[in-house]
Amino acid sequence: MSIVVDTLIKKNVEDILVVPVNFSYDRLLEGNYIREQLGQPKVNESFASAALGLWNSLQTKYGNARVDFGHPFSMRVSF
């Protein structure tokens, strides 16, 4: 965002429109970190276990995904 604001402040462009975007899912895509949250040591991963985890995540159904777009707003008005 600082690159956008700096470009506008230096007047390299007249205006920049920002479009807010939200991604939401029925099920979280993050891993399970319960062991680490309980203070237990992290189990080291190997390439094989990482590849297996990726394969399993690609085979899992995550339900519906939704993408929402907000109303674009001008950055020029902010300055």
PDB file of N, CA and C in Angstrom:
ATOM      1  N   MET A   1       0.824  -1.180   0.000  1.00  0.00           N
ATOM      2  CA  MET A   1       0.000   0.000   0.000  1.00  0.00           C
ATOM      3  C   MET A   1       0.877   1.257   0.000  1.00  0.00           C
ATOM      4  N   SER A   2       2.053   1.161   0.616  1.00  0.00           N
ATOM      5  CA  SER A   2       2.916   2.345   0.654  1.00  0.00           C
ATOM      6  C   SER A   2       3.372   2.748  -0.741  1.00  0.00           C
ATOM      7  N   ILE A   3       3.572   1.771  -1.629  1.00  0.00           N
ATOM      8  CA  ILE A   3       3.968   2.093  -3.000  1.00  0.00           C
ATOM      9  C   ILE A   3       2.866   2.891  -3.689  1.00  0.00           C
ATOM     10  N   VAL A   4       1.619   2.490  -3.455  1.00  0.00           N
ATOM     11  CA  VAL A   4       0.479   3.191  -4.054  1.00  0.00           C
ATOM     12  C   VAL A   4       0.391   4.618  -3.517  1.00  0.00           C
ATOM     13  N   VAL A   5       0.498   4.763  -2.207  1.00  0.00           N
ATOM     14  CA  VAL A   5       0.393   6.087  -1.586  1.00  0.00           C
ATOM     15  C   VAL A   5       1.562   6.977  -2.012  1.00  0.00           C
ATOM     16  N   ASP A   6       2.777   6.432  -2.032  1.00  0.00           N
ATOM     17  CA  ASP A   6       3.937   7.220  -2.452  1.00  0.00           C
ATOM     18  C   ASP A   6       3.787   7.702  -3.897  1.00  0.00           C
ATOM     19  N   THR A   7       3.276   6.835  -4.767  1.00  0.00           N
ATOM     20  CA  THR A   7       3.064   7.213  -6.161  1.00  0.00           C
ATOM     21  C   THR A   7       2.076   8.361  -6.263  1.00  0.00           C
ATOM     22  N   LEU A   8       1.043   8.316  -5.454  1.00  0.00           N
ATOM     23  CA  LEU A   8       0.029   9.373  -5.471  1.00  0.00           C
ATOM     24  C   LEU A   8       0.581  10.675  -4.889  1.00  0.00           C
ATOM     25  N   ILE A   9       1.340  10.582  -3.804  1.00  0.00           N
ATOM     26  CA  ILE A   9       1.916  11.783  -3.174  1.00  0.00           C
ATOM     27  C   ILE A   9       2.902  12.467  -4.114  1.00  0.00           C
ATOM     28  N   LYS A  10       3.711  11.680  -4.846  1.00  0.00           N
ATOM     29  CA  LYS A  10       4.675  12.247  -5.785  1.00  0.00           C
ATOM     30  C   LYS A  10       4.007  12.771  -7.053  1.00  0.00           C
ATOM     31  N   LYS A  11       2.693  12.592  -7.144  1.00  0.00           N
ATOM     32  CA  LYS A  11       1.889  13.060  -8.279  1.00  0.00           C
ATOM     33  C   LYS A  11       2.338  12.447  -9.606  1.00  0.00           C
ATOM     34  N   ASN A  12       2.780  11.168  -9.532  1.00  0.00           N
ATOM     35  CA  ASN A  12       3.091  10.431 -10.755  1.00  0.00           C
ATOM     36  C   ASN A  12       1.815  10.017 -11.476  1.00  0.00           C
ATOM     37  N   VAL A  13       0.726   9.932 -10.733  1.00  0.00           N
ATOM     38  CA  VAL A  13      -0.597   9.630 -11.297  1.00  0.00           C
ATOM     39  C   VAL A  13      -1.605  10.590 -10.690  1.00  0.00           C
ATOM     40  N   GLU A  14      -2.729  10.805 -11.376  1.00  0.00           N
ATOM     41  CA  GLU A  14      -3.751  11.723 -10.864  1.00  0.00           C
ATOM     42  C   GLU A  14      -4.595  11.098  -9.766  1.00  0.00           C
ATOM     43  N   ASP A  15      -4.919   9.827  -9.919  1.00  0.00           N
ATOM     44  CA  ASP A  15      -5.814   9.165  -8.962  1.00  0.00           C
ATOM     45  C   ASP A  15      -5.570   7.666  -9.007  1.00  0.00           C
ATOM     46  N   ILE A  16      -5.890   7.006  -7.909  1.00  0.00           N
ATOM     47  CA  ILE A  16      -5.823   5.549  -7.818  1.00  0.00           C
ATOM     48  C   ILE A  16      -7.119   5.072  -7.203  1.00  0.00           C
ATOM     49  N   LEU A  17      -7.747   4.113  -7.861  1.00  0.00           N
ATOM     50  CA  LEU A  17      -8.961   3.512  -7.319  1.00  0.00           C
ATOM     51  C   LEU A  17      -8.606   2.205  -6.624  1.00  0.00           C
ATOM     52  N   VAL A  18      -9.110   2.039  -5.408  1.00  0.00           N
ATOM     53  CA  VAL A  18      -8.872   0.828  -4.622  1.00  0.00           C
ATOM     54  C   VAL A  18     -10.180   0.059  -4.542  1.00  0.00           C
ATOM     55  N   VAL A  19     -10.113  -1.255  -4.826  1.00  0.00           N
ATOM     56  CA  VAL A  19     -11.290  -2.110  -4.759  1.00  0.00           C
ATOM     57  C   VAL A  19     -11.089  -3.098  -3.607  1.00  0.00           C
ATOM     58  N   PRO A  20     -11.872  -2.968  -2.515  1.00  0.00           N
ATOM     59  CA  PRO A  20     -11.767  -3.925  -1.416  1.00  0.00           C
ATOM     60  C   PRO A  20     -12.255  -5.307  -1.866  1.00  0.00           C
ATOM     61  N   VAL A  21     -11.512  -6.362  -1.497  1.00  0.00           N
ATOM     62  CA  VAL A  21     -11.871  -7.729  -1.870  1.00  0.00           C
ATOM     63  C   VAL A  21     -11.808  -8.603  -0.624  1.00  0.00           C
ATOM     64  N   ASN A  22     -12.801  -9.475  -0.460  1.00  0.00           N
ATOM     65  CA  ASN A  22     -12.838 -10.407   0.660  1.00  0.00           C
ATOM     66  C   ASN A  22     -13.017 -11.821   0.123  1.00  0.00           C
ATOM     67  N   PHE A  23     -12.183 -12.760   0.610  1.00  0.00           N
ATOM     68  CA  PHE A  23     -12.305 -14.172   0.279  1.00  0.00           C
ATOM     69  C   PHE A  23     -12.765 -14.911   1.530  1.00  0.00           C
ATOM     70  N   SER A  24     -13.820 -15.721   1.418  1.00  0.00           N
ATOM     71  CA  SER A  24     -14.263 -16.505   2.566  1.00  0.00           C
ATOM     72  C   SER A  24     -14.579 -17.926   2.116  1.00  0.00           C
ATOM     73  N   TYR A  25     -14.376 -18.872   3.032  1.00  0.00           N
ATOM     74  CA  TYR A  25     -14.549 -20.287   2.761  1.00  0.00           C
ATOM     75  C   TYR A  25     -15.415 -20.900   3.851  1.00  0.00           C
ATOM     76  N   ASP A  26     -16.055 -22.035   3.523  1.00  0.00           N
ATOM     77  CA  ASP A  26     -16.812 -22.773   4.532  1.00  0.00           C
ATOM     78  C   ASP A  26     -15.875 -23.415   5.548  1.00  0.00           C
ATOM     79  N   ARG A  27     -14.683 -23.787   5.107  1.00  0.00           N
ATOM     80  CA  ARG A  27     -13.725 -24.471   5.969  1.00  0.00           C
ATOM     81  C   ARG A  27     -12.367 -23.791   5.839  1.00  0.00           C
ATOM     82  N   LEU A  28     -11.668 -23.627   6.947  1.00  0.00           N
ATOM     83  CA  LEU A  28     -10.359 -22.977   6.916  1.00  0.00           C
ATOM     84  C   LEU A  28      -9.347 -23.838   6.189  1.00  0.00           C
ATOM     85  N   LEU A  29      -8.451 -23.203   5.471  1.00  0.00           N
ATOM     86  CA  LEU A  29      -7.427 -23.919   4.721  1.00  0.00           C
ATOM     87  C   LEU A  29      -6.139 -24.099   5.511  1.00  0.00           C
ATOM     88  N   GLU A  30      -6.025 -23.450   6.663  1.00  0.00           N
ATOM     89  CA  GLU A  30      -4.796 -23.534   7.439  1.00  0.00           C
ATOM     90  C   GLU A  30      -4.644 -24.911   8.068  1.00  0.00           C
ATOM     91  N   GLY A  31      -3.432 -25.206   8.456  1.00  0.00           N
ATOM     92  CA  GLY A  31      -3.139 -26.495   9.080  1.00  0.00           C
ATOM     93  C   GLY A  31      -3.628 -26.563  10.517  1.00  0.00           C
ATOM     94  N   ASN A  32      -3.383 -27.693  11.125  1.00  0.00           N
ATOM     95  CA  ASN A  32      -3.793 -27.941  12.501  1.00  0.00           C
ATOM     96  C   ASN A  32      -2.570 -27.758  13.404  1.00  0.00           C
ATOM     97  N   TYR A  33      -2.601 -26.758  14.259  1.00  0.00           N
ATOM     98  CA  TYR A  33      -1.448 -26.432  15.102  1.00  0.00           C
ATOM     99  C   TYR A  33      -1.743 -26.656  16.587  1.00  0.00           C
ATOM    100  N   ILE A  34      -2.634 -27.573  16.900  1.00  0.00           N
ATOM    101  CA  ILE A  34      -3.037 -27.796  18.287  1.00  0.00           C
ATOM    102  C   ILE A  34      -1.847 -28.233  19.132  1.00  0.00           C
ATOM    103  N   ARG A  35      -1.005 -29.136  18.616  1.00  0.00           N
ATOM    104  CA  ARG A  35       0.168 -29.600  19.386  1.00  0.00           C
ATOM    105  C   ARG A  35       1.067 -28.422  19.758  1.00  0.00           C
ATOM    106  N   GLU A  36       1.313 -27.539  18.814  1.00  0.00           N
ATOM    107  CA  GLU A  36       2.179 -26.397  19.092  1.00  0.00           C
ATOM    108  C   GLU A  36       1.529 -25.424  20.065  1.00  0.00           C
ATOM    109  N   GLN A  37       0.206 -25.246  19.971  1.00  0.00           N
ATOM    110  CA  GLN A  37      -0.494 -24.355  20.893  1.00  0.00           C
ATOM    111  C   GLN A  37      -0.492 -24.910  22.308  1.00  0.00           C
ATOM    112  N   LEU A  38      -0.399 -26.227  22.443  1.00  0.00           N
ATOM    113  CA  LEU A  38      -0.331 -26.846  23.767  1.00  0.00           C
ATOM    114  C   LEU A  38       1.085 -26.845  24.327  1.00  0.00           C
ATOM    115  N   GLY A  39       2.038 -26.297  23.573  1.00  0.00           N
ATOM    116  CA  GLY A  39       3.410 -26.190  24.050  1.00  0.00           C
ATOM    117  C   GLY A  39       4.277 -27.379  23.706  1.00  0.00           C
ATOM    118  N   GLN A  40       3.760 -28.326  22.948  1.00  0.00           N
ATOM    119  CA  GLN A  40       4.553 -29.482  22.560  1.00  0.00           C
ATOM    120  C   GLN A  40       5.488 -29.082  21.420  1.00  0.00           C
ATOM    121  N   PRO A  41       6.641 -29.735  21.309  1.00  0.00           N
ATOM    122  CA  PRO A  41       7.586 -29.351  20.263  1.00  0.00           C
ATOM    123  C   PRO A  41       7.028 -29.632  18.868  1.00  0.00           C
ATOM    124  N   LYS A  42       7.451 -28.802  17.924  1.00  0.00           N
ATOM    125  CA  LYS A  42       7.024 -28.969  16.536  1.00  0.00           C
ATOM    126  C   LYS A  42       7.697 -30.200  15.949  1.00  0.00           C
ATOM    127  N   VAL A  43       6.920 -30.983  15.231  1.00  0.00           N
ATOM    128  CA  VAL A  43       7.456 -32.166  14.576  1.00  0.00           C
ATOM    129  C   VAL A  43       8.095 -31.733  13.260  1.00  0.00           C
ATOM    130  N   ASN A  44       9.350 -32.106  13.051  1.00  0.00           N
ATOM    131  CA  ASN A  44      10.038 -31.737  11.819  1.00  0.00           C
ATOM    132  C   ASN A  44       9.391 -32.432  10.622  1.00  0.00           C
ATOM    133  N   GLU A  45       9.264 -31.684   9.537  1.00  0.00           N
ATOM    134  CA  GLU A  45       8.674 -32.235   8.323  1.00  0.00           C
ATOM    135  C   GLU A  45       9.769 -32.663   7.357  1.00  0.00           C
ATOM    136  N   SER A  46       9.489 -33.708   6.630  1.00  0.00           N
ATOM    137  CA  SER A  46      10.370 -34.113   5.539  1.00  0.00           C
ATOM    138  C   SER A  46       9.701 -33.721   4.232  1.00  0.00           C
ATOM    139  N   PHE A  47      10.431 -33.858   3.152  1.00  0.00           N
ATOM    140  CA  PHE A  47       9.839 -33.556   1.853  1.00  0.00           C
ATOM    141  C   PHE A  47       8.651 -34.468   1.583  1.00  0.00           C
ATOM    142  N   ALA A  48       8.784 -35.747   1.949  1.00  0.00           N
ATOM    143  CA  ALA A  48       7.703 -36.709   1.706  1.00  0.00           C
ATOM    144  C   ALA A  48       6.450 -36.353   2.499  1.00  0.00           C
ATOM    145  N   SER A  49       6.616 -35.952   3.764  1.00  0.00           N
ATOM    146  CA  SER A  49       5.436 -35.604   4.566  1.00  0.00           C
ATOM    147  C   SER A  49       4.789 -34.313   4.060  1.00  0.00           C
ATOM    148  N   ALA A  50       5.600 -33.366   3.572  1.00  0.00           N
ATOM    149  CA  ALA A  50       5.042 -32.136   3.008  1.00  0.00           C
ATOM    150  C   ALA A  50       4.287 -32.433   1.711  1.00  0.00           C
ATOM    151  N   ALA A  51       4.846 -33.299   0.869  1.00  0.00           N
ATOM    152  CA  ALA A  51       4.179 -33.671  -0.381  1.00  0.00           C
ATOM    153  C   ALA A  51       2.880 -34.415  -0.086  1.00  0.00           C
ATOM    154  N   LEU A  52       2.903 -35.302   0.908  1.00  0.00           N
ATOM    155  CA  LEU A  52       1.693 -36.034   1.291  1.00  0.00           C
ATOM    156  C   LEU A  52       0.636 -35.075   1.831  1.00  0.00           C
ATOM    157  N   GLY A  53       1.046 -34.101   2.629  1.00  0.00           N
ATOM    158  CA  GLY A  53       0.110 -33.105   3.148  1.00  0.00           C
ATOM    159  C   GLY A  53      -0.513 -32.287   2.037  1.00  0.00           C
ATOM    160  N   LEU A  54       0.289 -31.903   1.056  1.00  0.00           N
ATOM    161  CA  LEU A  54      -0.231 -31.158  -0.097  1.00  0.00           C
ATOM    162  C   LEU A  54      -1.223 -32.013  -0.876  1.00  0.00           C
ATOM    163  N   TRP A  55      -0.874 -33.269  -1.106  1.00  0.00           N
ATOM    164  CA  TRP A  55      -1.766 -34.172  -1.834  1.00  0.00           C
ATOM    165  C   TRP A  55      -3.099 -34.329  -1.090  1.00  0.00           C
ATOM    166  N   ASN A  56      -3.027 -34.537   0.214  1.00  0.00           N
ATOM    167  CA  ASN A  56      -4.257 -34.700   1.013  1.00  0.00           C
ATOM    168  C   ASN A  56      -5.109 -33.442   0.994  1.00  0.00           C
ATOM    169  N   SER A  57      -4.472 -32.278   1.018  1.00  0.00           N
ATOM    170  CA  SER A  57      -5.254 -31.034   1.015  1.00  0.00           C
ATOM    171  C   SER A  57      -5.930 -30.821  -0.338  1.00  0.00           C
ATOM    172  N   LEU A  58      -5.298 -31.282  -1.418  1.00  0.00           N
ATOM    173  CA  LEU A  58      -5.916 -31.155  -2.740  1.00  0.00           C
ATOM    174  C   LEU A  58      -7.090 -32.116  -2.909  1.00  0.00           C
ATOM    175  N   GLN A  59      -7.101 -33.193  -2.148  1.00  0.00           N
ATOM    176  CA  GLN A  59      -8.166 -34.185  -2.238  1.00  0.00           C
ATOM    177  C   GLN A  59      -9.345 -33.854  -1.322  1.00  0.00           C
ATOM    178  N   THR A  60      -9.163 -32.915  -0.416  1.00  0.00           N
ATOM    179  CA  THR A  60     -10.188 -32.568   0.568  1.00  0.00           C
ATOM    180  C   THR A  60     -11.173 -31.577  -0.025  1.00  0.00           C
ATOM    181  N   LYS A  61     -12.437 -31.767   0.280  1.00  0.00           N
ATOM    182  CA  LYS A  61     -13.464 -30.827  -0.173  1.00  0.00           C
ATOM    183  C   LYS A  61     -13.605 -29.734   0.893  1.00  0.00           C
ATOM    184  N   TYR A  62     -13.467 -28.507   0.470  1.00  0.00           N
ATOM    185  CA  TYR A  62     -13.513 -27.376   1.392  1.00  0.00           C
ATOM    186  C   TYR A  62     -14.849 -26.650   1.377  1.00  0.00           C
ATOM    187  N   GLY A  63     -15.811 -27.168   0.649  1.00  0.00           N
ATOM    188  CA  GLY A  63     -17.118 -26.526   0.620  1.00  0.00           C
ATOM    189  C   GLY A  63     -17.132 -25.358  -0.340  1.00  0.00           C
ATOM    190  N   ASN A  64     -17.937 -24.390  -0.030  1.00  0.00           N
ATOM    191  CA  ASN A  64     -18.111 -23.231  -0.909  1.00  0.00           C
ATOM    192  C   ASN A  64     -17.063 -22.162  -0.638  1.00  0.00           C
ATOM    193  N   ALA A  65     -16.665 -21.502  -1.692  1.00  0.00           N
ATOM    194  CA  ALA A  65     -15.786 -20.336  -1.579  1.00  0.00           C
ATOM    195  C   ALA A  65     -16.580 -19.140  -2.089  1.00  0.00           C
ATOM    196  N   ARG A  66     -16.351 -18.011  -1.470  1.00  0.00           N
ATOM    197  CA  ARG A  66     -17.074 -16.808  -1.858  1.00  0.00           C
ATOM    198  C   ARG A  66     -16.089 -15.652  -1.978  1.00  0.00           C
ATOM    199  N   VAL A  67     -16.260 -14.862  -3.028  1.00  0.00           N
ATOM    200  CA  VAL A  67     -15.444 -13.667  -3.235  1.00  0.00           C
ATOM    201  C   VAL A  67     -16.388 -12.478  -3.294  1.00  0.00           C
ATOM    202  N   ASP A  68     -16.179 -11.508  -2.409  1.00  0.00           N
ATOM    203  CA  ASP A  68     -17.002 -10.300  -2.378  1.00  0.00           C
ATOM    204  C   ASP A  68     -16.138  -9.094  -2.738  1.00  0.00           C
ATOM    205  N   PHE A  69     -16.684  -8.227  -3.574  1.00  0.00           N
ATOM    206  CA  PHE A  69     -16.002  -6.995  -3.976  1.00  0.00           C
ATOM    207  C   PHE A  69     -16.760  -5.816  -3.400  1.00  0.00           C
ATOM    208  N   GLY A  70     -16.027  -4.906  -2.737  1.00  0.00           N
ATOM    209  CA  GLY A  70     -16.633  -3.692  -2.206  1.00  0.00           C
ATOM    210  C   GLY A  70     -16.681  -2.613  -3.267  1.00  0.00           C
ATOM    211  N   HIS A  71     -17.226  -1.481  -2.901  1.00  0.00           N
ATOM    212  CA  HIS A  71     -17.290  -0.345  -3.822  1.00  0.00           C
ATOM    213  C   HIS A  71     -15.905   0.280  -3.952  1.00  0.00           C
ATOM    214  N   PRO A  72     -15.452   0.514  -5.173  1.00  0.00           N
ATOM    215  CA  PRO A  72     -14.157   1.168  -5.360  1.00  0.00           C
ATOM    216  C   PRO A  72     -14.161   2.564  -4.735  1.00  0.00           C
ATOM    217  N   PHE A  73     -13.028   2.948  -4.183  1.00  0.00           N
ATOM    218  CA  PHE A  73     -12.927   4.309  -3.646  1.00  0.00           C
ATOM    219  C   PHE A  73     -11.642   4.960  -4.146  1.00  0.00           C
ATOM    220  N   SER A  74     -11.686   6.267  -4.248  1.00  0.00           N
ATOM    221  CA  SER A  74     -10.588   7.048  -4.765  1.00  0.00           C
ATOM    222  C   SER A  74      -9.588   7.369  -3.652  1.00  0.00           C
ATOM    223  N   MET A  75      -8.330   7.234  -3.948  1.00  0.00           N
ATOM    224  CA  MET A  75      -7.296   7.623  -2.991  1.00  0.00           C
ATOM    225  C   MET A  75      -7.051   9.127  -3.044  1.00  0.00           C
ATOM    226  N   ARG A  76      -7.415   9.775  -4.128  1.00  0.00           N
ATOM    227  CA  ARG A  76      -7.189  11.206  -4.263  1.00  0.00           C
ATOM    228  C   ARG A  76      -8.000  11.980  -3.221  1.00  0.00           C
ATOM    229  N   VAL A  77      -9.173  11.513  -2.883  1.00  0.00           N
ATOM    230  CA  VAL A  77     -10.033  12.178  -1.917  1.00  0.00           C
ATOM    231  C   VAL A  77      -9.392  12.171  -0.538  1.00  0.00           C
ATOM    232  N   SER A  78      -8.552  11.147  -0.259  1.00  0.00           N
ATOM    233  CA  SER A  78      -7.948  10.988   1.066  1.00  0.00           C
ATOM    234  C   SER A  78      -6.870  12.013   1.354  1.00  0.00           C
ATOM    235  N   PHE A  79      -6.351  12.707   0.340  1.00  0.00           N
ATOM    236  CA  PHE A  79      -5.237  13.637   0.553  1.00  0.00           C
ATOM    237  C   PHE A  79      -5.690  15.050   0.407  1.00  0.00           C
TER     238      PHE A  79
END
